[in-house]
Amino acid sequence: MTASTTMTIRVSPETKTKLERIAADTRRSKSFLAAEAVSAYVERELEIIDGIKRGMADAAAGQVVPHDEAMAEIYAAIDAAESKRAGKA
């Protein structure tokens, strides 16, 4: 069994009711479901924060593409996809 720790949180009565419904429907404990939700949230947020930090480091190092250049590339890809789709119709 993996180690765990206890944490107390406050949620609205509506959220608690919904969590109880999920727990009953899935035959899981509220504690298990809450831990899973917190874990998923933490992982997602850390990925976002790490991506932002990488982007900021790239910008600080001058490793960026000017907006107009990036948009031109995107529009070219869209035009190519639309032309390909029109050719298949």
C-alpha atoms as a PDB file:
ATOM      1  CA  MET A   1       0.000   0.000   0.000  1.00  0.00           C
ATOM      2  CA  THR A   2       1.316   3.449  -0.884  1.00  0.00           C
ATOM      3  CA  ALA A   3       1.795   6.054   1.778  1.00  0.00           C
ATOM      4  CA  SER A   4      -0.835   8.742   2.105  1.00  0.00           C
ATOM      5  CA  THR A   5      -1.612  11.734   4.221  1.00  0.00           C
ATOM      6  CA  THR A   6      -4.845  13.314   5.400  1.00  0.00           C
ATOM      7  CA  MET A   7      -6.081  16.665   4.131  1.00  0.00           C
ATOM      8  CA  THR A   8      -9.284  18.492   4.998  1.00  0.00           C
ATOM      9  CA  ILE A   9     -11.064  20.573   2.353  1.00  0.00           C
ATOM     10  CA  ARG A  10     -14.213  22.654   2.231  1.00  0.00           C
ATOM     11  CA  VAL A  11     -16.669  22.231  -0.628  1.00  0.00           C
ATOM     12  CA  SER A  12     -20.121  23.564  -1.282  1.00  0.00           C
ATOM     13  CA  PRO A  13     -23.086  21.422  -0.220  1.00  0.00           C
ATOM     14  CA  GLU A  14     -23.913  20.964  -3.912  1.00  0.00           C
ATOM     15  CA  THR A  15     -20.447  19.607  -4.669  1.00  0.00           C
ATOM     16  CA  LYS A  16     -20.654  17.259  -1.697  1.00  0.00           C
ATOM     17  CA  THR A  17     -24.020  15.956  -2.893  1.00  0.00           C
ATOM     18  CA  LYS A  18     -22.676  15.390  -6.392  1.00  0.00           C
ATOM     19  CA  LEU A  19     -19.602  13.620  -5.008  1.00  0.00           C
ATOM     20  CA  GLU A  20     -21.845  11.379  -2.909  1.00  0.00           C
ATOM     21  CA  ARG A  21     -23.841  10.527  -6.045  1.00  0.00           C
ATOM     22  CA  ILE A  22     -20.697   9.631  -7.976  1.00  0.00           C
ATOM     23  CA  ALA A  23     -19.434   7.572  -5.056  1.00  0.00           C
ATOM     24  CA  ALA A  24     -22.690   5.619  -4.870  1.00  0.00           C
ATOM     25  CA  ASP A  25     -22.884   5.102  -8.635  1.00  0.00           C
ATOM     26  CA  THR A  26     -19.260   3.974  -8.948  1.00  0.00           C
ATOM     27  CA  ARG A  27     -19.058   2.109  -5.649  1.00  0.00           C
ATOM     28  CA  ARG A  28     -16.005   4.155  -4.680  1.00  0.00           C
ATOM     29  CA  SER A  29     -15.499   6.117  -1.503  1.00  0.00           C
ATOM     30  CA  LYS A  30     -15.803   9.892  -1.505  1.00  0.00           C
ATOM     31  CA  SER A  31     -12.260  10.010  -0.192  1.00  0.00           C
ATOM     32  CA  PHE A  32     -10.947   7.912  -3.101  1.00  0.00           C
ATOM     33  CA  LEU A  33     -12.756  10.076  -5.658  1.00  0.00           C
ATOM     34  CA  ALA A  34     -11.601  13.325  -4.061  1.00  0.00           C
ATOM     35  CA  ALA A  35      -8.004  12.097  -3.975  1.00  0.00           C
ATOM     36  CA  GLU A  36      -8.212  11.103  -7.647  1.00  0.00           C
ATOM     37  CA  ALA A  37      -9.647  14.513  -8.565  1.00  0.00           C
ATOM     38  CA  VAL A  38      -6.993  16.424  -6.631  1.00  0.00           C
ATOM     39  CA  SER A  39      -4.241  14.286  -8.132  1.00  0.00           C
ATOM     40  CA  ALA A  40      -5.499  14.870 -11.691  1.00  0.00           C
ATOM     41  CA  TYR A  41      -5.820  18.601 -11.045  1.00  0.00           C
ATOM     42  CA  VAL A  42      -2.324  18.862  -9.604  1.00  0.00           C
ATOM     43  CA  GLU A  43      -0.768  16.981 -12.543  1.00  0.00           C
ATOM     44  CA  ARG A  44      -2.646  19.111 -15.101  1.00  0.00           C
ATOM     45  CA  GLU A  45      -1.741  22.389 -13.407  1.00  0.00           C
ATOM     46  CA  LEU A  46       1.928  21.413 -13.069  1.00  0.00           C
ATOM     47  CA  GLU A  47       2.064  20.611 -16.799  1.00  0.00           C
ATOM     48  CA  ILE A  48       0.585  24.031 -17.571  1.00  0.00           C
ATOM     49  CA  ILE A  49       2.987  25.828 -15.233  1.00  0.00           C
ATOM     50  CA  ASP A  50       5.980  23.914 -16.626  1.00  0.00           C
ATOM     51  CA  GLY A  51       4.911  24.784 -20.186  1.00  0.00           C
ATOM     52  CA  ILE A  52       4.606  28.454 -19.303  1.00  0.00           C
ATOM     53  CA  LYS A  53       8.045  28.417 -17.695  1.00  0.00           C
ATOM     54  CA  ARG A  54       9.540  26.744 -20.788  1.00  0.00           C
ATOM     55  CA  GLY A  55       7.899  29.371 -22.982  1.00  0.00           C
ATOM     56  CA  MET A  56       9.191  32.193 -20.831  1.00  0.00           C
ATOM     57  CA  ALA A  57      12.700  30.723 -20.921  1.00  0.00           C
ATOM     58  CA  ASP A  58      12.489  30.413 -24.721  1.00  0.00           C
ATOM     59  CA  ALA A  59      11.345  34.032 -24.973  1.00  0.00           C
ATOM     60  CA  ALA A  60      14.142  35.206 -22.680  1.00  0.00           C
ATOM     61  CA  ALA A  61      16.644  33.310 -24.865  1.00  0.00           C
ATOM     62  CA  GLY A  62      15.215  34.882 -28.013  1.00  0.00           C
ATOM     63  CA  GLN A  63      13.915  31.558 -29.300  1.00  0.00           C
ATOM     64  CA  VAL A  64      10.628  32.883 -30.589  1.00  0.00           C
ATOM     65  CA  VAL A  65       8.769  33.176 -33.883  1.00  0.00           C
ATOM     66  CA  PRO A  66       7.268  36.574 -34.676  1.00  0.00           C
ATOM     67  CA  HIS A  67       3.466  36.622 -34.551  1.00  0.00           C
ATOM     68  CA  ASP A  68       3.042  37.551 -38.230  1.00  0.00           C
ATOM     69  CA  GLU A  69       5.326  34.682 -39.271  1.00  0.00           C
ATOM     70  CA  ALA A  70       3.476  32.162 -37.096  1.00  0.00           C
ATOM     71  CA  MET A  71       0.089  33.312 -38.394  1.00  0.00           C
ATOM     72  CA  ALA A  72       1.261  33.125 -42.007  1.00  0.00           C
ATOM     73  CA  GLU A  73       2.313  29.510 -41.388  1.00  0.00           C
ATOM     74  CA  ILE A  74      -1.031  28.681 -39.792  1.00  0.00           C
ATOM     75  CA  TYR A  75      -3.020  30.284 -42.620  1.00  0.00           C
ATOM     76  CA  ALA A  76      -0.902  28.417 -45.183  1.00  0.00           C
ATOM     77  CA  ALA A  77      -1.686  25.125 -43.430  1.00  0.00           C
ATOM     78  CA  ILE A  78      -5.400  25.964 -43.373  1.00  0.00           C
ATOM     79  CA  ASP A  79      -5.371  26.918 -47.054  1.00  0.00           C
ATOM     80  CA  ALA A  80      -3.562  23.683 -47.945  1.00  0.00           C
ATOM     81  CA  ALA A  81      -6.079  21.619 -45.974  1.00  0.00           C
ATOM     82  CA  GLU A  82      -9.025  23.408 -47.574  1.00  0.00           C
ATOM     83  CA  SER A  83      -7.550  22.955 -51.055  1.00  0.00           C
ATOM     84  CA  LYS A  84      -6.976  19.263 -50.398  1.00  0.00           C
ATOM     85  CA  ARG A  85     -10.530  18.835 -49.111  1.00  0.00           C
ATOM     86  CA  ALA A  86     -11.978  20.730 -52.102  1.00  0.00           C
ATOM     87  CA  GLY A  87      -9.994  18.504 -54.463  1.00  0.00           C
ATOM     88  CA  LYS A  88     -11.500  15.345 -52.894  1.00  0.00           C
ATOM     89  CA  ALA A  89     -15.111  16.600 -53.055  1.00  0.00           C
END
